[in-house]
C-alpha cells in the first residue's frame, strides 16, 4: 500500500481548490428598485389566465385585499361567477358556481382551486404592486427604476407593462412562471384603500 505524504495531499488539495475557483461566477450586486408604494388594502379588477402545463383557465377577476381579509371573485369570459374565495382571521371559504363550499384554515390551501395553480397568497399582494417582499430578489429594473423581473419563492415575475411612466405607477401586466405553472394578470383598475 502506497502512502501519500501529508505535504503532497495538501498541495493536491490546494491545486484542486485553486482550479475550482476559476469556475466560480462573480457575485452580482443586489439591484435596488425605486421606493414603491405598498398599500395594506386595495381593490383591483383585471383579467386572469392561468395554466399548470396541462389545464388552463381564464376570466375576469376582482380582488379586495385588507390586512386581515381577502375576497377574490373569478368570472367566466361571459361574466358569470365561477368561484369566490373569502379569507378572514377564522379561515378561508371557497364557493364554486355549482354550489359546492370548501373550508380551510388558510387560503393557501384552497387558492390553487380558484387560480388553477399553486401561488403564495402572501406573495401575490406584493406581486400586484411590484413591491418585492422580504426574501424576494429584484433581477432587473426598467428605465424608471421599477422592477422588471423578480424572483420570489421559486416564481419568476415579469412586469412587461406599467400603468404609466412615473416611478410609482402600478403594474398593468404581470407574467409569473414557476416550472410549467403560468399566471398572467392584466390589471384594468387599481384602487388603494384607506
N, C-alpha and C. Protein backbone atom coordinates (compact mmCIF):
# COMPACT_ATOMS: atom_id res chain seq x y z
N UNK A 1 0.84 -1.17 0.00
CA UNK A 1 0.00 0.00 0.00
C UNK A 1 0.89 1.24 0.00
N UNK A 2 0.64 2.16 -0.94
CA UNK A 2 1.44 3.38 -1.01
C UNK A 2 0.90 4.42 -0.06
N UNK A 3 1.81 5.14 0.51
CA UNK A 3 1.41 6.22 1.40
C UNK A 3 1.65 7.54 0.69
N UNK A 4 0.68 8.40 0.82
CA UNK A 4 0.81 9.74 0.25
C UNK A 4 1.21 10.66 1.38
N UNK A 5 2.23 11.44 1.15
CA UNK A 5 2.70 12.34 2.20
C UNK A 5 1.66 13.41 2.48
N UNK A 6 1.68 13.92 3.68
CA UNK A 6 0.76 14.99 4.07
C UNK A 6 1.00 16.21 3.20
N UNK A 7 2.27 16.47 2.91
CA UNK A 7 2.61 17.63 2.08
C UNK A 7 2.05 17.46 0.67
N UNK A 8 2.15 16.27 0.10
CA UNK A 8 1.62 16.00 -1.24
C UNK A 8 0.10 16.14 -1.28
N UNK A 9 -0.55 15.61 -0.25
CA UNK A 9 -2.00 15.70 -0.18
C UNK A 9 -2.45 17.15 -0.06
N UNK A 10 -1.72 17.93 0.75
CA UNK A 10 -2.04 19.33 0.93
C UNK A 10 -1.86 20.09 -0.38
N UNK A 11 -0.78 19.84 -1.10
CA UNK A 11 -0.55 20.50 -2.39
C UNK A 11 -1.63 20.13 -3.40
N UNK A 12 -2.02 18.86 -3.42
CA UNK A 12 -3.08 18.43 -4.34
C UNK A 12 -4.40 19.12 -4.01
N UNK A 13 -4.72 19.24 -2.73
CA UNK A 13 -5.95 19.90 -2.30
C UNK A 13 -5.93 21.38 -2.67
N UNK A 14 -4.80 22.04 -2.44
CA UNK A 14 -4.68 23.46 -2.80
C UNK A 14 -4.81 23.67 -4.30
N UNK A 15 -4.20 22.79 -5.08
CA UNK A 15 -4.29 22.90 -6.54
C UNK A 15 -5.72 22.72 -7.00
N UNK A 16 -6.42 21.73 -6.44
CA UNK A 16 -7.82 21.49 -6.82
C UNK A 16 -8.69 22.68 -6.44
N UNK A 17 -8.44 23.24 -5.26
CA UNK A 17 -9.20 24.40 -4.81
C UNK A 17 -8.95 25.59 -5.71
N UNK A 18 -7.69 25.82 -6.08
CA UNK A 18 -7.36 26.94 -6.96
C UNK A 18 -8.02 26.78 -8.32
N UNK A 19 -8.00 25.56 -8.87
CA UNK A 19 -8.61 25.33 -10.17
C UNK A 19 -10.13 25.47 -10.11
N UNK A 20 -10.73 24.98 -9.03
CA UNK A 20 -12.18 25.09 -8.93
C UNK A 20 -12.60 26.55 -8.75
N UNK A 21 -11.74 27.36 -8.18
CA UNK A 21 -12.03 28.78 -8.01
C UNK A 21 -12.16 29.50 -9.34
N UNK A 22 -11.55 28.96 -10.37
CA UNK A 22 -11.65 29.58 -11.69
C UNK A 22 -13.06 29.48 -12.25
N UNK A 23 -13.82 28.47 -11.80
CA UNK A 23 -15.14 28.25 -12.34
C UNK A 23 -16.23 29.00 -11.57
N UNK A 24 -15.87 29.65 -10.48
CA UNK A 24 -16.86 30.35 -9.68
C UNK A 24 -17.30 31.62 -10.38
N UNK A 25 -18.61 31.82 -10.45
CA UNK A 25 -19.14 33.03 -11.10
C UNK A 25 -19.08 34.19 -10.13
N UNK A 26 -18.81 35.37 -10.61
CA UNK A 26 -18.76 36.52 -9.70
C UNK A 26 -20.13 36.79 -9.12
N UNK A 27 -20.14 37.32 -7.90
CA UNK A 27 -21.39 37.67 -7.25
C UNK A 27 -21.92 38.95 -7.88
N UNK A 28 -23.20 38.92 -8.28
CA UNK A 28 -23.79 40.12 -8.86
C UNK A 28 -24.38 40.97 -7.74
N UNK A 29 -24.24 42.28 -7.86
CA UNK A 29 -24.76 43.13 -6.79
C UNK A 29 -26.29 43.07 -6.76
N UNK A 30 -26.85 43.24 -5.58
CA UNK A 30 -28.30 43.25 -5.40
C UNK A 30 -28.86 44.52 -6.05
N UNK A 31 -29.87 44.36 -6.89
CA UNK A 31 -30.50 45.51 -7.52
C UNK A 31 -31.49 46.14 -6.54
N UNK A 32 -31.55 47.44 -6.53
CA UNK A 32 -32.48 48.14 -5.66
C UNK A 32 -33.43 48.96 -6.52
N UNK A 33 -34.70 48.62 -6.44
CA UNK A 33 -35.71 49.35 -7.18
C UNK A 33 -36.02 50.65 -6.46
N UNK A 34 -36.62 51.59 -7.20
CA UNK A 34 -37.08 52.82 -6.56
C UNK A 34 -38.11 52.45 -5.51
N UNK A 35 -38.25 53.30 -4.50
CA UNK A 35 -39.23 53.03 -3.45
C UNK A 35 -40.63 52.97 -4.07
N UNK A 36 -41.34 51.89 -3.78
CA UNK A 36 -42.66 51.68 -4.35
C UNK A 36 -43.72 51.78 -3.27
N UNK A 37 -44.88 52.31 -3.60
CA UNK A 37 -45.97 52.30 -2.64
C UNK A 37 -46.37 50.85 -2.34
N UNK A 38 -46.72 50.57 -1.11
CA UNK A 38 -47.14 49.23 -0.73
C UNK A 38 -48.41 49.36 0.10
N UNK A 39 -49.56 49.37 -0.60
CA UNK A 39 -50.85 49.56 0.06
C UNK A 39 -51.18 48.34 0.92
N UNK A 40 -51.62 48.59 2.13
CA UNK A 40 -52.02 47.49 3.00
C UNK A 40 -53.42 46.99 2.65
N UNK A 41 -54.18 47.82 1.93
CA UNK A 41 -55.52 47.45 1.48
C UNK A 41 -55.72 48.01 0.07
N UNK A 42 -56.37 47.23 -0.78
CA UNK A 42 -56.61 47.68 -2.14
C UNK A 42 -57.75 46.88 -2.77
N UNK A 43 -58.24 47.41 -3.87
CA UNK A 43 -59.18 46.69 -4.74
C UNK A 43 -58.58 46.69 -6.13
N UNK A 44 -58.72 45.58 -6.81
CA UNK A 44 -58.30 45.57 -8.21
C UNK A 44 -59.30 44.78 -9.03
N UNK A 45 -59.39 45.18 -10.29
CA UNK A 45 -60.18 44.47 -11.28
C UNK A 45 -59.24 44.17 -12.43
N UNK A 46 -59.36 42.97 -12.96
CA UNK A 46 -58.48 42.61 -14.06
C UNK A 46 -58.92 41.35 -14.76
N UNK A 47 -58.04 40.89 -15.62
CA UNK A 47 -58.26 39.65 -16.38
C UNK A 47 -57.12 38.71 -16.08
N UNK A 48 -57.48 37.46 -15.79
CA UNK A 48 -56.53 36.47 -15.33
C UNK A 48 -56.54 35.27 -16.26
N UNK A 49 -55.34 34.76 -16.56
CA UNK A 49 -55.25 33.45 -17.21
C UNK A 49 -54.19 32.67 -16.46
N UNK A 50 -54.44 31.39 -16.29
CA UNK A 50 -53.53 30.54 -15.54
C UNK A 50 -53.49 29.17 -16.19
N UNK A 51 -52.32 28.52 -16.09
CA UNK A 51 -52.14 27.18 -16.63
C UNK A 51 -51.13 26.44 -15.78
N UNK A 52 -51.36 25.14 -15.61
CA UNK A 52 -50.40 24.31 -14.88
C UNK A 52 -49.61 23.43 -15.84
N UNK A 53 -49.67 23.70 -17.13
CA UNK A 53 -48.97 22.91 -18.14
C UNK A 53 -49.89 21.91 -18.81
N UNK A 54 -50.98 21.55 -18.16
CA UNK A 54 -51.95 20.61 -18.73
C UNK A 54 -53.32 21.26 -18.89
N UNK A 55 -53.71 22.00 -17.87
CA UNK A 55 -55.02 22.65 -17.90
C UNK A 55 -54.84 24.15 -17.84
N UNK A 56 -55.79 24.86 -18.41
CA UNK A 56 -55.72 26.31 -18.38
C UNK A 56 -57.10 26.89 -18.13
N UNK A 57 -57.13 28.10 -17.62
CA UNK A 57 -58.39 28.79 -17.37
C UNK A 57 -58.15 30.28 -17.54
N UNK A 58 -59.22 30.98 -17.87
CA UNK A 58 -59.11 32.44 -17.97
C UNK A 58 -60.45 33.06 -17.65
N UNK A 59 -60.41 34.33 -17.27
CA UNK A 59 -61.63 35.06 -16.96
C UNK A 59 -61.29 36.35 -16.27
N UNK A 60 -62.32 37.02 -15.83
CA UNK A 60 -62.15 38.28 -15.11
C UNK A 60 -61.96 38.00 -13.63
N UNK A 61 -61.32 38.94 -12.95
CA UNK A 61 -61.03 38.79 -11.53
C UNK A 61 -61.28 40.10 -10.82
N UNK A 62 -61.92 40.03 -9.66
CA UNK A 62 -61.94 41.17 -8.74
C UNK A 62 -61.31 40.67 -7.44
N UNK A 63 -60.54 41.53 -6.81
CA UNK A 63 -59.86 41.17 -5.56
C UNK A 63 -59.88 42.37 -4.64
N UNK A 64 -60.47 42.19 -3.46
CA UNK A 64 -60.43 43.19 -2.41
C UNK A 64 -59.54 42.63 -1.31
N UNK A 65 -58.45 43.34 -1.04
CA UNK A 65 -57.46 42.88 -0.06
C UNK A 65 -57.41 43.86 1.11
N UNK A 66 -57.43 43.30 2.32
CA UNK A 66 -57.26 44.09 3.53
C UNK A 66 -56.23 43.43 4.41
N UNK A 67 -55.81 44.07 5.49
CA UNK A 67 -54.79 43.49 6.35
C UNK A 67 -55.14 42.11 6.89
N UNK A 68 -56.43 41.86 7.14
CA UNK A 68 -56.82 40.57 7.73
C UNK A 68 -57.83 39.81 6.88
N UNK A 69 -58.11 40.30 5.68
CA UNK A 69 -59.12 39.63 4.87
C UNK A 69 -58.83 39.80 3.38
N UNK A 70 -59.37 38.88 2.61
CA UNK A 70 -59.31 38.93 1.16
C UNK A 70 -60.62 38.41 0.61
N UNK A 71 -61.05 38.97 -0.50
CA UNK A 71 -62.19 38.43 -1.22
C UNK A 71 -61.85 38.41 -2.70
N UNK A 72 -61.77 37.22 -3.25
CA UNK A 72 -61.48 37.02 -4.67
C UNK A 72 -62.76 36.53 -5.34
N UNK A 73 -63.08 37.08 -6.50
CA UNK A 73 -64.18 36.56 -7.31
C UNK A 73 -63.66 36.41 -8.72
N UNK A 74 -63.83 35.21 -9.27
CA UNK A 74 -63.41 34.92 -10.64
C UNK A 74 -64.65 34.72 -11.48
N UNK A 75 -64.67 35.38 -12.65
CA UNK A 75 -65.81 35.33 -13.56
C UNK A 75 -65.41 34.62 -14.85
N UNK A 76 -66.37 33.97 -15.48
CA UNK A 76 -66.15 33.34 -16.78
C UNK A 76 -66.02 34.44 -17.83
N UNK A 77 -65.54 34.09 -19.03
CA UNK A 77 -65.48 35.11 -20.10
C UNK A 77 -66.85 35.72 -20.41
N UNK A 78 -67.94 35.03 -20.05
CA UNK A 78 -69.28 35.56 -20.29
C UNK A 78 -69.82 36.37 -19.11
N UNK A 79 -69.04 36.49 -18.03
CA UNK A 79 -69.42 37.33 -16.91
C UNK A 79 -70.09 36.63 -15.74
N UNK A 80 -70.26 35.30 -15.81
CA UNK A 80 -70.85 34.59 -14.68
C UNK A 80 -69.79 34.29 -13.62
N UNK A 81 -70.20 34.29 -12.35
CA UNK A 81 -69.27 33.97 -11.26
C UNK A 81 -68.92 32.49 -11.35
N UNK A 82 -67.61 32.22 -11.41
CA UNK A 82 -67.12 30.84 -11.44
C UNK A 82 -66.83 30.37 -10.02
N UNK A 83 -66.19 31.24 -9.23
CA UNK A 83 -65.84 30.88 -7.87
C UNK A 83 -65.55 32.14 -7.07
N UNK A 84 -65.71 32.01 -5.76
CA UNK A 84 -65.40 33.12 -4.86
C UNK A 84 -64.67 32.55 -3.66
N UNK A 85 -63.57 33.19 -3.29
CA UNK A 85 -62.77 32.79 -2.14
C UNK A 85 -62.75 33.96 -1.16
N UNK A 86 -63.10 33.67 0.09
CA UNK A 86 -63.10 34.69 1.14
C UNK A 86 -62.17 34.21 2.25
N UNK A 87 -61.23 35.08 2.62
CA UNK A 87 -60.30 34.78 3.72
C UNK A 87 -60.54 35.77 4.85
N UNK A 88 -60.67 35.23 6.05
CA UNK A 88 -60.81 36.04 7.26
C UNK A 88 -59.86 35.46 8.30
N UNK A 89 -59.72 36.10 9.47
CA UNK A 89 -58.88 35.52 10.51
C UNK A 89 -59.35 34.13 10.98
N UNK A 90 -60.61 33.79 10.71
CA UNK A 90 -61.15 32.49 11.13
C UNK A 90 -60.89 31.39 10.10
N UNK A 91 -60.35 31.73 8.93
CA UNK A 91 -60.10 30.71 7.91
C UNK A 91 -60.51 31.21 6.53
N UNK A 92 -60.64 30.25 5.61
CA UNK A 92 -60.97 30.59 4.22
C UNK A 92 -62.11 29.71 3.74
N UNK A 93 -62.95 30.29 2.88
CA UNK A 93 -64.08 29.56 2.31
C UNK A 93 -64.09 29.78 0.80
N UNK A 94 -64.21 28.68 0.07
CA UNK A 94 -64.31 28.72 -1.39
C UNK A 94 -65.71 28.28 -1.77
N UNK A 95 -66.42 29.11 -2.53
CA UNK A 95 -67.75 28.80 -3.03
C UNK A 95 -67.67 28.75 -4.55
N UNK A 96 -68.06 27.63 -5.14
CA UNK A 96 -68.00 27.47 -6.60
C UNK A 96 -69.38 27.66 -7.21
N UNK A 97 -69.41 27.87 -8.52
CA UNK A 97 -70.65 28.15 -9.23
C UNK A 97 -71.66 27.01 -9.11
N UNK A 98 -71.19 25.79 -8.92
CA UNK A 98 -72.12 24.66 -8.80
C UNK A 98 -72.64 24.48 -7.38
N UNK A 99 -72.36 25.44 -6.49
CA UNK A 99 -72.90 25.43 -5.14
C UNK A 99 -72.06 24.71 -4.10
N UNK A 100 -70.93 24.16 -4.50
CA UNK A 100 -70.06 23.49 -3.52
C UNK A 100 -69.33 24.53 -2.68
N UNK A 101 -69.13 24.18 -1.41
CA UNK A 101 -68.41 25.05 -0.47
C UNK A 101 -67.30 24.24 0.16
N UNK A 102 -66.13 24.86 0.26
CA UNK A 102 -64.99 24.20 0.90
C UNK A 102 -64.38 25.17 1.90
N UNK A 103 -64.05 24.66 3.09
CA UNK A 103 -63.45 25.47 4.13
C UNK A 103 -62.03 24.98 4.38
N UNK A 104 -61.16 25.90 4.78
CA UNK A 104 -59.77 25.57 5.14
C UNK A 104 -59.29 26.55 6.18
N UNK A 105 -58.25 26.15 6.92
CA UNK A 105 -57.70 27.04 7.95
C UNK A 105 -57.02 28.26 7.35
N UNK A 106 -56.46 28.10 6.16
CA UNK A 106 -55.83 29.25 5.50
C UNK A 106 -56.13 29.21 4.01
N UNK A 107 -56.03 30.36 3.38
CA UNK A 107 -56.40 30.48 1.97
C UNK A 107 -55.41 29.77 1.04
N UNK A 108 -54.15 29.65 1.44
CA UNK A 108 -53.17 28.98 0.57
C UNK A 108 -53.56 27.54 0.26
N UNK A 109 -54.34 26.91 1.15
CA UNK A 109 -54.76 25.53 0.94
C UNK A 109 -55.74 25.41 -0.23
N UNK A 110 -56.65 26.38 -0.38
CA UNK A 110 -57.66 26.27 -1.43
C UNK A 110 -57.50 27.28 -2.56
N UNK A 111 -56.53 28.19 -2.44
CA UNK A 111 -56.28 29.15 -3.52
C UNK A 111 -55.99 28.47 -4.86
N UNK A 112 -55.24 27.35 -4.89
CA UNK A 112 -54.99 26.70 -6.17
C UNK A 112 -56.27 26.28 -6.91
N UNK A 113 -57.33 25.99 -6.17
CA UNK A 113 -58.59 25.62 -6.82
C UNK A 113 -59.26 26.82 -7.47
N UNK A 114 -58.97 28.00 -6.96
CA UNK A 114 -59.52 29.22 -7.55
C UNK A 114 -58.70 29.65 -8.75
N UNK A 115 -57.37 29.64 -8.61
CA UNK A 115 -56.48 30.13 -9.67
C UNK A 115 -56.13 29.06 -10.70
N UNK A 116 -56.17 27.80 -10.29
CA UNK A 116 -55.74 26.73 -11.19
C UNK A 116 -54.27 26.38 -11.03
N UNK A 117 -53.54 27.17 -10.24
CA UNK A 117 -52.13 26.91 -9.95
C UNK A 117 -51.88 27.26 -8.49
N UNK A 118 -50.81 26.71 -7.94
CA UNK A 118 -50.47 26.97 -6.55
C UNK A 118 -49.54 28.18 -6.46
N UNK A 119 -50.05 29.30 -6.00
CA UNK A 119 -49.26 30.53 -5.87
C UNK A 119 -49.38 31.02 -4.43
N UNK A 120 -48.33 31.63 -3.89
CA UNK A 120 -48.38 32.08 -2.49
C UNK A 120 -49.21 33.35 -2.31
N UNK A 121 -50.28 33.26 -1.52
CA UNK A 121 -51.14 34.41 -1.29
C UNK A 121 -50.36 35.57 -0.71
N UNK A 122 -49.45 35.29 0.24
CA UNK A 122 -48.66 36.37 0.82
C UNK A 122 -47.80 37.06 -0.22
N UNK A 123 -47.36 36.33 -1.24
CA UNK A 123 -46.58 36.92 -2.31
C UNK A 123 -47.44 37.71 -3.29
N UNK A 124 -48.63 37.23 -3.58
CA UNK A 124 -49.48 37.87 -4.59
C UNK A 124 -49.80 39.32 -4.26
N UNK A 125 -50.02 39.63 -2.98
CA UNK A 125 -50.34 41.02 -2.63
C UNK A 125 -49.15 41.94 -2.92
N UNK A 126 -47.93 41.40 -2.93
CA UNK A 126 -46.75 42.18 -3.30
C UNK A 126 -46.57 42.19 -4.82
N UNK A 127 -46.83 41.05 -5.46
CA UNK A 127 -46.66 40.96 -6.91
C UNK A 127 -47.50 42.00 -7.63
N UNK A 128 -48.78 42.16 -7.21
CA UNK A 128 -49.67 43.07 -7.93
C UNK A 128 -49.32 44.53 -7.69
N UNK A 129 -48.40 44.80 -6.75
CA UNK A 129 -47.95 46.16 -6.50
C UNK A 129 -46.52 46.39 -6.98
N UNK A 130 -45.88 45.33 -7.54
CA UNK A 130 -44.47 45.40 -7.93
C UNK A 130 -43.63 45.90 -6.76
N UNK A 131 -43.95 45.38 -5.58
CA UNK A 131 -43.27 45.75 -4.35
C UNK A 131 -42.71 44.47 -3.74
N UNK A 132 -41.49 44.08 -4.10
CA UNK A 132 -40.95 42.79 -3.65
C UNK A 132 -40.96 42.65 -2.13
N UNK A 133 -41.42 41.49 -1.68
CA UNK A 133 -41.46 41.22 -0.24
C UNK A 133 -40.10 40.75 0.24
N UNK A 134 -39.94 40.66 1.54
CA UNK A 134 -38.68 40.19 2.13
C UNK A 134 -38.38 38.79 1.59
N UNK A 135 -37.15 38.58 1.18
CA UNK A 135 -36.74 37.29 0.63
C UNK A 135 -36.81 37.23 -0.88
N UNK A 136 -37.56 38.12 -1.51
CA UNK A 136 -37.62 38.17 -2.98
C UNK A 136 -36.41 38.93 -3.50
N UNK A 137 -35.99 38.62 -4.73
CA UNK A 137 -34.83 39.30 -5.32
C UNK A 137 -35.25 40.01 -6.60
N UNK A 138 -34.87 41.26 -6.73
CA UNK A 138 -35.09 42.01 -7.96
C UNK A 138 -33.98 41.60 -8.93
N UNK A 139 -34.36 41.03 -10.07
CA UNK A 139 -33.38 40.55 -11.05
C UNK A 139 -33.06 41.59 -12.12
N UNK A 140 -34.04 42.43 -12.45
CA UNK A 140 -33.77 43.52 -13.41
C UNK A 140 -34.77 44.65 -13.17
N UNK A 141 -34.36 45.84 -13.63
CA UNK A 141 -35.16 47.05 -13.48
C UNK A 141 -35.51 47.61 -14.85
N UNK A 142 -36.62 48.35 -14.93
CA UNK A 142 -36.92 49.05 -16.18
C UNK A 142 -36.25 50.42 -16.17
N UNK A 143 -36.48 51.22 -17.19
CA UNK A 143 -35.83 52.53 -17.32
C UNK A 143 -36.20 53.50 -16.20
N UNK A 144 -37.37 53.29 -15.58
CA UNK A 144 -37.82 54.17 -14.49
C UNK A 144 -37.34 53.68 -13.13
N UNK A 145 -36.56 52.58 -13.09
CA UNK A 145 -36.06 52.04 -11.84
C UNK A 145 -37.03 51.12 -11.12
N UNK A 146 -38.12 50.74 -11.82
CA UNK A 146 -39.12 49.84 -11.24
C UNK A 146 -38.72 48.40 -11.53
N UNK A 147 -39.20 47.44 -10.72
CA UNK A 147 -38.89 46.04 -11.00
C UNK A 147 -39.39 45.63 -12.39
N UNK A 148 -38.52 45.01 -13.16
CA UNK A 148 -38.91 44.43 -14.45
C UNK A 148 -38.99 42.92 -14.33
N UNK A 149 -38.16 42.34 -13.45
CA UNK A 149 -38.16 40.89 -13.19
C UNK A 149 -37.77 40.67 -11.74
N UNK A 150 -38.55 39.79 -11.07
CA UNK A 150 -38.35 39.48 -9.66
C UNK A 150 -38.39 37.96 -9.49
N UNK A 151 -37.58 37.46 -8.58
CA UNK A 151 -37.62 36.05 -8.19
C UNK A 151 -38.19 35.98 -6.78
N UNK A 152 -39.25 35.17 -6.60
CA UNK A 152 -39.90 35.08 -5.30
C UNK A 152 -40.44 33.67 -5.08
N UNK A 153 -39.90 32.97 -4.09
CA UNK A 153 -40.37 31.63 -3.70
C UNK A 153 -40.40 30.67 -4.88
N UNK A 154 -39.40 30.74 -5.75
CA UNK A 154 -39.33 29.85 -6.90
C UNK A 154 -40.03 30.40 -8.15
N UNK A 155 -40.83 31.42 -8.00
CA UNK A 155 -41.53 32.05 -9.12
C UNK A 155 -40.66 33.14 -9.74
N UNK A 156 -40.75 33.31 -11.04
CA UNK A 156 -40.16 34.44 -11.74
C UNK A 156 -41.32 35.32 -12.18
N UNK A 157 -41.31 36.57 -11.72
CA UNK A 157 -42.39 37.50 -12.01
C UNK A 157 -41.86 38.59 -12.91
N UNK A 158 -42.47 38.73 -14.09
CA UNK A 158 -42.08 39.77 -15.05
C UNK A 158 -43.15 40.86 -15.07
N UNK A 159 -42.68 42.10 -15.23
CA UNK A 159 -43.56 43.27 -15.32
C UNK A 159 -43.34 43.94 -16.67
N UNK A 160 -43.96 43.42 -17.74
CA UNK A 160 -43.73 43.99 -19.07
C UNK A 160 -44.43 45.32 -19.31
N UNK A 161 -45.39 45.67 -18.44
CA UNK A 161 -46.11 46.92 -18.66
C UNK A 161 -46.59 47.50 -17.33
N UNK A 162 -46.40 48.81 -17.18
CA UNK A 162 -46.93 49.55 -16.04
C UNK A 162 -48.03 50.48 -16.53
N UNK A 163 -48.86 50.98 -15.60
CA UNK A 163 -50.00 51.83 -15.95
C UNK A 163 -49.59 53.25 -16.33
N UNK A 164 -48.33 53.59 -16.17
CA UNK A 164 -47.85 54.91 -16.53
C UNK A 164 -46.34 54.95 -16.49
N UNK A 165 -45.77 56.13 -16.78
CA UNK A 165 -44.32 56.27 -16.84
C UNK A 165 -43.68 56.66 -15.52
N UNK A 166 -44.49 57.06 -14.53
CA UNK A 166 -43.92 57.50 -13.26
C UNK A 166 -43.42 56.31 -12.44
N UNK A 167 -42.49 56.60 -11.54
CA UNK A 167 -41.89 55.53 -10.73
C UNK A 167 -42.90 54.84 -9.83
N UNK A 168 -43.99 55.53 -9.44
CA UNK A 168 -44.96 54.93 -8.54
C UNK A 168 -46.18 54.34 -9.25
N UNK A 169 -46.17 54.30 -10.59
CA UNK A 169 -47.29 53.73 -11.34
C UNK A 169 -47.43 52.24 -11.02
N UNK A 170 -48.67 51.77 -10.85
CA UNK A 170 -48.86 50.34 -10.58
C UNK A 170 -48.65 49.51 -11.84
N UNK A 171 -48.38 48.22 -11.66
CA UNK A 171 -48.24 47.36 -12.82
C UNK A 171 -49.55 47.26 -13.60
N UNK A 172 -49.44 47.17 -14.88
CA UNK A 172 -50.62 46.95 -15.75
C UNK A 172 -50.69 45.48 -16.15
N UNK A 173 -49.53 44.86 -16.37
CA UNK A 173 -49.48 43.45 -16.75
C UNK A 173 -48.41 42.74 -15.94
N UNK A 174 -48.76 41.54 -15.47
CA UNK A 174 -47.85 40.71 -14.67
C UNK A 174 -47.84 39.32 -15.28
N UNK A 175 -46.65 38.80 -15.56
CA UNK A 175 -46.48 37.42 -16.03
C UNK A 175 -45.63 36.69 -15.01
N UNK A 176 -46.16 35.62 -14.43
CA UNK A 176 -45.44 34.86 -13.43
C UNK A 176 -45.32 33.41 -13.88
N UNK A 177 -44.15 32.80 -13.62
CA UNK A 177 -43.92 31.42 -14.05
C UNK A 177 -43.12 30.68 -12.98
N UNK A 178 -43.48 29.42 -12.80
CA UNK A 178 -42.75 28.50 -11.92
C UNK A 178 -42.87 27.13 -12.54
N UNK A 179 -41.80 26.65 -13.17
CA UNK A 179 -41.87 25.39 -13.90
C UNK A 179 -42.91 25.49 -15.01
N UNK A 180 -43.87 24.57 -15.02
CA UNK A 180 -44.93 24.59 -16.03
C UNK A 180 -46.07 25.55 -15.68
N UNK A 181 -46.12 26.00 -14.44
CA UNK A 181 -47.21 26.88 -14.00
C UNK A 181 -47.01 28.29 -14.54
N UNK A 182 -48.10 28.88 -15.02
CA UNK A 182 -48.07 30.23 -15.58
C UNK A 182 -49.29 31.00 -15.09
N UNK A 183 -49.06 32.25 -14.73
CA UNK A 183 -50.16 33.16 -14.38
C UNK A 183 -49.92 34.46 -15.14
N UNK A 184 -50.94 34.94 -15.80
CA UNK A 184 -50.89 36.27 -16.42
C UNK A 184 -52.06 37.06 -15.88
N UNK A 185 -51.76 38.27 -15.40
CA UNK A 185 -52.78 39.16 -14.88
C UNK A 185 -52.65 40.50 -15.55
N UNK A 186 -53.74 40.95 -16.14
CA UNK A 186 -53.81 42.30 -16.70
C UNK A 186 -54.72 43.09 -15.79
N UNK A 187 -54.18 44.13 -15.16
CA UNK A 187 -54.93 44.92 -14.19
C UNK A 187 -55.58 46.09 -14.91
N UNK A 188 -56.91 46.09 -14.91
CA UNK A 188 -57.66 47.17 -15.56
C UNK A 188 -57.93 48.34 -14.63
N UNK A 189 -58.09 48.04 -13.34
CA UNK A 189 -58.34 49.11 -12.37
C UNK A 189 -57.69 48.75 -11.05
N UNK A 190 -57.01 49.74 -10.47
CA UNK A 190 -56.29 49.55 -9.20
C UNK A 190 -56.69 50.69 -8.28
N UNK A 191 -57.18 50.36 -7.08
CA UNK A 191 -57.58 51.38 -6.13
C UNK A 191 -57.02 51.08 -4.75
N UNK A 192 -56.07 51.89 -4.25
CA UNK A 192 -55.64 51.71 -2.87
C UNK A 192 -56.77 52.11 -1.92
N UNK A 193 -56.90 51.38 -0.82
CA UNK A 193 -57.94 51.68 0.16
C UNK A 193 -57.31 52.21 1.44
N UNK A 194 -58.06 53.03 2.20
CA UNK A 194 -57.51 53.56 3.46
C UNK A 194 -57.33 52.48 4.50
